[in-house]
Amino acid sequence: MKNDWTITQEAFDNLLTWLDMDRERAGQKYEEIRCNLIRIFARRGCPVAEELTDETINRVTRKALDIAGSYAGDPCLYFYGVAQNVYKEYVKKRPDPLPLPEPDPVEGKERHFDCLDRCMERLDPQSRELILEYYRDERRAKINRRQRLAEQLGITLNTLRARAHRIKLALQQCVGDCLMQSQSS
């Protein structure tokens, strides 16, 4: 972005005169243009919408005296054209997204699995069997297995989901506690 030029009072006055000869209406147009530019940049998912708006206004202000006499049409459209160029420059120079975090080291996974095994052993046999059956298989086979499991237990599918969810929460809590203990050891 070209931020090496700052707006002088004279340049800003020229911009307002170009927008409208009536100073009050010119100020209103300026604020309307500024708000619209911020909205345009924000709708495009730009986290620095106000900075890009300021850059757009600076560029237009710099050119206002030169183009005021020859420009035909609504000055707002000129702002939007400059904003389009400012946005294209921003997209080209936008920093690359942060890299994904490194996967957990193997020993961290091993510790996690050890804790999960210990917590599974603490479950009563019915809960252990239910949670293992509930998460067995994939896709359609998993759906069919869950329907059969609910029928075998004589409960609805929603009741089965609720039971599995409670067991899963207990396991997550147990594993979390176990991992905290193993880190402090």
C-alpha atoms as a PDB file:
ATOM      1  CA  MET A   1       0.000   0.000   0.000  1.00  0.00           C
ATOM      2  CA  LYS A   2       1.166   3.508  -0.733  1.00  0.00           C
ATOM      3  CA  ASN A   3       1.056   5.160   2.681  1.00  0.00           C
ATOM      4  CA  ASP A   4       3.846   7.665   2.087  1.00  0.00           C
ATOM      5  CA  TRP A   5       1.466  10.560   1.306  1.00  0.00           C
ATOM      6  CA  THR A   6      -0.623  12.330   3.927  1.00  0.00           C
ATOM      7  CA  ILE A   7      -3.703  14.449   3.356  1.00  0.00           C
ATOM      8  CA  THR A   8      -3.192  18.200   3.680  1.00  0.00           C
ATOM      9  CA  GLN A   9      -6.018  20.557   4.552  1.00  0.00           C
ATOM     10  CA  GLU A  10      -5.847  22.025   1.045  1.00  0.00           C
ATOM     11  CA  ALA A  11      -6.079  18.589  -0.588  1.00  0.00           C
ATOM     12  CA  PHE A  12      -9.014  17.641   1.649  1.00  0.00           C
ATOM     13  CA  ASP A  13     -10.796  20.911   0.809  1.00  0.00           C
ATOM     14  CA  ASN A  14     -10.311  20.160  -2.907  1.00  0.00           C
ATOM     15  CA  LEU A  15     -11.824  16.718  -2.393  1.00  0.00           C
ATOM     16  CA  LEU A  16     -14.868  18.151  -0.622  1.00  0.00           C
ATOM     17  CA  THR A  17     -15.321  20.774  -3.345  1.00  0.00           C
ATOM     18  CA  TRP A  18     -15.221  18.023  -5.958  1.00  0.00           C
ATOM     19  CA  LEU A  19     -17.893  16.074  -4.061  1.00  0.00           C
ATOM     20  CA  ASP A  20     -20.221  19.089  -3.787  1.00  0.00           C
ATOM     21  CA  MET A  21     -19.899  22.868  -3.838  1.00  0.00           C
ATOM     22  CA  ASP A  22     -22.001  23.057  -0.660  1.00  0.00           C
ATOM     23  CA  ARG A  23     -19.612  22.227   2.193  1.00  0.00           C
ATOM     24  CA  GLU A  24     -22.338  20.598   4.324  1.00  0.00           C
ATOM     25  CA  ARG A  25     -23.538  18.286   1.544  1.00  0.00           C
ATOM     26  CA  ALA A  26     -19.919  17.517   0.620  1.00  0.00           C
ATOM     27  CA  GLY A  27     -19.242  16.412   4.210  1.00  0.00           C
ATOM     28  CA  GLN A  28     -22.312  14.196   4.175  1.00  0.00           C
ATOM     29  CA  LYS A  29     -21.269  12.620   0.874  1.00  0.00           C
ATOM     30  CA  TYR A  30     -17.770  12.053   2.233  1.00  0.00           C
ATOM     31  CA  GLU A  31     -19.117  10.239   5.319  1.00  0.00           C
ATOM     32  CA  GLU A  32     -21.504   8.195   3.189  1.00  0.00           C
ATOM     33  CA  ILE A  33     -18.689   7.150   0.851  1.00  0.00           C
ATOM     34  CA  ARG A  34     -16.433   6.286   3.798  1.00  0.00           C
ATOM     35  CA  CYS A  35     -19.107   4.093   5.448  1.00  0.00           C
ATOM     36  CA  ASN A  36     -19.889   2.365   2.148  1.00  0.00           C
ATOM     37  CA  LEU A  37     -16.217   1.622   1.495  1.00  0.00           C
ATOM     38  CA  ILE A  38     -15.789   0.125   4.963  1.00  0.00           C
ATOM     39  CA  ARG A  39     -18.870  -2.058   4.368  1.00  0.00           C
ATOM     40  CA  ILE A  40     -17.587  -3.171   0.961  1.00  0.00           C
ATOM     41  CA  PHE A  41     -14.199  -4.213   2.333  1.00  0.00           C
ATOM     42  CA  ALA A  42     -15.758  -5.880   5.381  1.00  0.00           C
ATOM     43  CA  ARG A  43     -18.189  -7.891   3.212  1.00  0.00           C
ATOM     44  CA  ARG A  44     -15.201  -9.236   1.344  1.00  0.00           C
ATOM     45  CA  GLY A  45     -13.909 -10.618   4.628  1.00  0.00           C
ATOM     46  CA  CYS A  46     -11.151  -8.049   4.977  1.00  0.00           C
ATOM     47  CA  PRO A  47      -9.981  -7.656   8.591  1.00  0.00           C
ATOM     48  CA  VAL A  48      -8.386  -4.264   7.828  1.00  0.00           C
ATOM     49  CA  ALA A  49     -11.407  -2.644   6.153  1.00  0.00           C
ATOM     50  CA  GLU A  50     -10.845   0.778   7.723  1.00  0.00           C
ATOM     51  CA  GLU A  51      -7.182   0.887   6.707  1.00  0.00           C
ATOM     52  CA  LEU A  52      -8.063   0.010   3.117  1.00  0.00           C
ATOM     53  CA  THR A  53     -10.783   2.656   3.184  1.00  0.00           C
ATOM     54  CA  ASP A  54      -8.259   5.254   4.373  1.00  0.00           C
ATOM     55  CA  GLU A  55      -5.858   4.213   1.626  1.00  0.00           C
ATOM     56  CA  THR A  56      -8.623   4.531  -0.972  1.00  0.00           C
ATOM     57  CA  ILE A  57      -9.577   7.997   0.263  1.00  0.00           C
ATOM     58  CA  ASN A  58      -5.925   9.079   0.314  1.00  0.00           C
ATOM     59  CA  ARG A  59      -5.473   8.024  -3.301  1.00  0.00           C
ATOM     60  CA  VAL A  60      -8.643   9.750  -4.452  1.00  0.00           C
ATOM     61  CA  THR A  61      -7.737  12.887  -2.480  1.00  0.00           C
ATOM     62  CA  ARG A  62      -4.328  12.955  -4.135  1.00  0.00           C
ATOM     63  CA  LYS A  63      -5.994  12.888  -7.597  1.00  0.00           C
ATOM     64  CA  ALA A  64      -9.069  15.011  -6.830  1.00  0.00           C
ATOM     65  CA  LEU A  65      -7.645  18.346  -8.029  1.00  0.00           C
ATOM     66  CA  ASP A  66      -6.332  16.812 -11.262  1.00  0.00           C
ATOM     67  CA  ILE A  67      -9.542  14.985 -12.210  1.00  0.00           C
ATOM     68  CA  ALA A  68     -12.196  17.330 -10.813  1.00  0.00           C
ATOM     69  CA  GLY A  69     -12.490  19.394 -13.992  1.00  0.00           C
ATOM     70  CA  SER A  70     -12.527  16.496 -16.449  1.00  0.00           C
ATOM     71  CA  TYR A  71     -14.343  13.739 -14.562  1.00  0.00           C
ATOM     72  CA  ALA A  72     -17.917  13.230 -15.707  1.00  0.00           C
ATOM     73  CA  GLY A  73     -20.332  11.392 -13.464  1.00  0.00           C
ATOM     74  CA  ASP A  74     -20.786  10.663  -9.795  1.00  0.00           C
ATOM     75  CA  PRO A  75     -17.520  10.973  -7.817  1.00  0.00           C
ATOM     76  CA  CYS A  76     -18.675   8.038  -5.666  1.00  0.00           C
ATOM     77  CA  LEU A  77     -18.079   5.725  -8.611  1.00  0.00           C
ATOM     78  CA  TYR A  78     -14.478   6.918  -8.856  1.00  0.00           C
ATOM     79  CA  PHE A  79     -13.966   6.031  -5.179  1.00  0.00           C
ATOM     80  CA  TYR A  80     -15.378   2.544  -5.771  1.00  0.00           C
ATOM     81  CA  GLY A  81     -13.091   2.001  -8.751  1.00  0.00           C
ATOM     82  CA  VAL A  82     -10.045   2.996  -6.705  1.00  0.00           C
ATOM     83  CA  ALA A  83     -11.278   0.774  -3.861  1.00  0.00           C
ATOM     84  CA  GLN A  84     -11.382  -2.174  -6.263  1.00  0.00           C
ATOM     85  CA  ASN A  85      -7.713  -1.611  -7.124  1.00  0.00           C
ATOM     86  CA  VAL A  86      -6.736  -1.170  -3.467  1.00  0.00           C
ATOM     87  CA  TYR A  87      -8.466  -4.449  -2.624  1.00  0.00           C
ATOM     88  CA  LYS A  88      -6.709  -6.298  -5.472  1.00  0.00           C
ATOM     89  CA  GLU A  89      -3.344  -5.035  -4.177  1.00  0.00           C
ATOM     90  CA  TYR A  90      -4.260  -6.121  -0.657  1.00  0.00           C
ATOM     91  CA  VAL A  91      -5.177  -9.634  -1.819  1.00  0.00           C
ATOM     92  CA  LYS A  92      -1.886  -9.982  -3.692  1.00  0.00           C
ATOM     93  CA  LYS A  93       0.163  -8.838  -0.691  1.00  0.00           C
ATOM     94  CA  ARG A  94      -1.908 -10.555   1.985  1.00  0.00           C
ATOM     95  CA  PRO A  95       0.298 -12.698   4.201  1.00  0.00           C
ATOM     96  CA  ASP A  96       0.026 -16.444   3.805  1.00  0.00           C
ATOM     97  CA  PRO A  97      -2.087 -18.164   6.446  1.00  0.00           C
ATOM     98  CA  LEU A  98      -0.240 -19.561   9.421  1.00  0.00           C
ATOM     99  CA  PRO A  99       0.961 -23.132   8.965  1.00  0.00           C
ATOM    100  CA  LEU A 100      -0.986 -25.878  10.646  1.00  0.00           C
ATOM    101  CA  PRO A 101       0.395 -26.928  14.004  1.00  0.00           C
ATOM    102  CA  GLU A 102       2.673 -29.915  14.113  1.00  0.00           C
ATOM    103  CA  PRO A 103       0.948 -33.165  15.044  1.00  0.00           C
ATOM    104  CA  ASP A 104       1.306 -34.339  18.619  1.00  0.00           C
ATOM    105  CA  PRO A 105       4.460 -36.304  19.274  1.00  0.00           C
ATOM    106  CA  VAL A 106       4.068 -40.074  19.411  1.00  0.00           C
ATOM    107  CA  GLU A 107       4.712 -40.259  23.139  1.00  0.00           C
ATOM    108  CA  GLY A 108       1.873 -37.785  23.759  1.00  0.00           C
ATOM    109  CA  LYS A 109      -0.470 -40.024  21.805  1.00  0.00           C
ATOM    110  CA  GLU A 110       0.785 -43.066  23.678  1.00  0.00           C
ATOM    111  CA  ARG A 111       0.098 -41.346  27.004  1.00  0.00           C
ATOM    112  CA  HIS A 112      -3.382 -40.429  25.761  1.00  0.00           C
ATOM    113  CA  PHE A 113      -4.132 -44.022  24.733  1.00  0.00           C
ATOM    114  CA  ASP A 114      -2.793 -45.370  28.046  1.00  0.00           C
ATOM    115  CA  CYS A 115      -5.141 -43.023  29.911  1.00  0.00           C
ATOM    116  CA  LEU A 116      -8.050 -44.042  27.689  1.00  0.00           C
ATOM    117  CA  ASP A 117      -7.346 -47.719  28.388  1.00  0.00           C
ATOM    118  CA  ARG A 118      -7.258 -47.080  32.150  1.00  0.00           C
ATOM    119  CA  CYS A 119     -10.517 -45.125  32.006  1.00  0.00           C
ATOM    120  CA  MET A 120     -12.208 -47.827  29.917  1.00  0.00           C
ATOM    121  CA  GLU A 121     -11.208 -50.388  32.566  1.00  0.00           C
ATOM    122  CA  ARG A 122     -12.887 -48.250  35.244  1.00  0.00           C
ATOM    123  CA  LEU A 123     -16.234 -48.329  33.428  1.00  0.00           C
ATOM    124  CA  ASP A 124     -18.758 -50.933  34.464  1.00  0.00           C
ATOM    125  CA  PRO A 125     -18.891 -53.809  31.920  1.00  0.00           C
ATOM    126  CA  GLN A 126     -22.267 -52.759  30.473  1.00  0.00           C
ATOM    127  CA  SER A 127     -21.128 -49.177  29.821  1.00  0.00           C
ATOM    128  CA  ARG A 128     -17.827 -50.355  28.362  1.00  0.00           C
ATOM    129  CA  GLU A 129     -19.609 -52.736  25.981  1.00  0.00           C
ATOM    130  CA  LEU A 130     -22.187 -50.097  25.030  1.00  0.00           C
ATOM    131  CA  ILE A 131     -19.607 -47.434  24.138  1.00  0.00           C
ATOM    132  CA  LEU A 132     -17.452 -49.890  22.182  1.00  0.00           C
ATOM    133  CA  GLU A 133     -20.453 -51.108  20.192  1.00  0.00           C
ATOM    134  CA  TYR A 134     -21.761 -47.579  19.710  1.00  0.00           C
ATOM    135  CA  TYR A 135     -18.571 -46.378  17.973  1.00  0.00           C
ATOM    136  CA  ARG A 136     -17.804 -49.586  16.058  1.00  0.00           C
ATOM    137  CA  ASP A 137     -17.956 -49.546  12.242  1.00  0.00           C
ATOM    138  CA  GLU A 138     -18.373 -46.584   9.912  1.00  0.00           C
ATOM    139  CA  ARG A 139     -21.050 -44.922   7.826  1.00  0.00           C
ATOM    140  CA  ARG A 140     -24.116 -47.044   7.102  1.00  0.00           C
ATOM    141  CA  ALA A 141     -22.793 -50.023   9.077  1.00  0.00           C
ATOM    142  CA  LYS A 142     -22.510 -47.801  12.154  1.00  0.00           C
ATOM    143  CA  ILE A 143     -26.094 -46.603  11.741  1.00  0.00           C
ATOM    144  CA  ASN A 144     -27.378 -50.174  11.385  1.00  0.00           C
ATOM    145  CA  ARG A 145     -25.363 -51.345  14.386  1.00  0.00           C
ATOM    146  CA  ARG A 146     -26.771 -48.549  16.546  1.00  0.00           C
ATOM    147  CA  GLN A 147     -30.334 -49.419  15.529  1.00  0.00           C
ATOM    148  CA  ARG A 148     -29.756 -53.090  16.418  1.00  0.00           C
ATOM    149  CA  LEU A 149     -28.100 -52.113  19.699  1.00  0.00           C
ATOM    150  CA  ALA A 150     -31.088 -49.946  20.677  1.00  0.00           C
ATOM    151  CA  GLU A 151     -33.458 -52.820  19.823  1.00  0.00           C
ATOM    152  CA  GLN A 152     -31.387 -55.314  21.852  1.00  0.00           C
ATOM    153  CA  LEU A 153     -31.461 -52.998  24.871  1.00  0.00           C
ATOM    154  CA  GLY A 154     -35.172 -52.283  24.402  1.00  0.00           C
ATOM    155  CA  ILE A 155     -34.648 -48.509  24.221  1.00  0.00           C
ATOM    156  CA  THR A 156     -35.144 -45.823  21.611  1.00  0.00           C
ATOM    157  CA  LEU A 157     -32.309 -44.594  19.433  1.00  0.00           C
ATOM    158  CA  ASN A 158     -32.414 -41.221  21.209  1.00  0.00           C
ATOM    159  CA  THR A 159     -32.067 -42.904  24.604  1.00  0.00           C
ATOM    160  CA  LEU A 160     -29.104 -44.857  23.249  1.00  0.00           C
ATOM    161  CA  ARG A 161     -27.514 -41.630  22.007  1.00  0.00           C
ATOM    162  CA  ALA A 162     -28.016 -40.010  25.406  1.00  0.00           C
ATOM    163  CA  ARG A 163     -26.423 -42.950  27.232  1.00  0.00           C
ATOM    164  CA  ALA A 164     -23.472 -43.047  24.845  1.00  0.00           C
ATOM    165  CA  HIS A 165     -23.043 -39.303  25.229  1.00  0.00           C
ATOM    166  CA  ARG A 166     -22.957 -39.532  29.035  1.00  0.00           C
ATOM    167  CA  ILE A 167     -20.402 -42.337  28.884  1.00  0.00           C
ATOM    168  CA  LYS A 168     -18.314 -40.372  26.397  1.00  0.00           C
ATOM    169  CA  LEU A 169     -18.365 -37.285  28.656  1.00  0.00           C
ATOM    170  CA  ALA A 170     -17.271 -39.387  31.629  1.00  0.00           C
ATOM    171  CA  LEU A 171     -14.450 -40.884  29.561  1.00  0.00           C
ATOM    172  CA  GLN A 172     -13.320 -37.457  28.372  1.00  0.00           C
ATOM    173  CA  GLN A 173     -13.247 -36.176  31.943  1.00  0.00           C
ATOM    174  CA  CYS A 174     -11.370 -39.247  33.131  1.00  0.00           C
ATOM    175  CA  VAL A 175      -8.807 -39.047  30.296  1.00  0.00           C
ATOM    176  CA  GLY A 176      -8.313 -35.312  30.914  1.00  0.00           C
ATOM    177  CA  ASP A 177      -7.702 -35.910  34.614  1.00  0.00           C
ATOM    178  CA  CYS A 178      -5.328 -38.772  33.836  1.00  0.00           C
ATOM    179  CA  LEU A 179      -3.333 -36.650  31.382  1.00  0.00           C
ATOM    180  CA  MET A 180      -3.074 -33.827  33.924  1.00  0.00           C
ATOM    181  CA  GLN A 181      -1.776 -36.281  36.540  1.00  0.00           C
ATOM    182  CA  SER A 182       0.755 -37.774  34.144  1.00  0.00           C
ATOM    183  CA  GLN A 183       2.062 -34.302  33.203  1.00  0.00           C
ATOM    184  CA  SER A 184       2.492 -33.280  36.823  1.00  0.00           C
ATOM    185  CA  SER A 185       4.333 -36.537  37.627  1.00  0.00           C
END
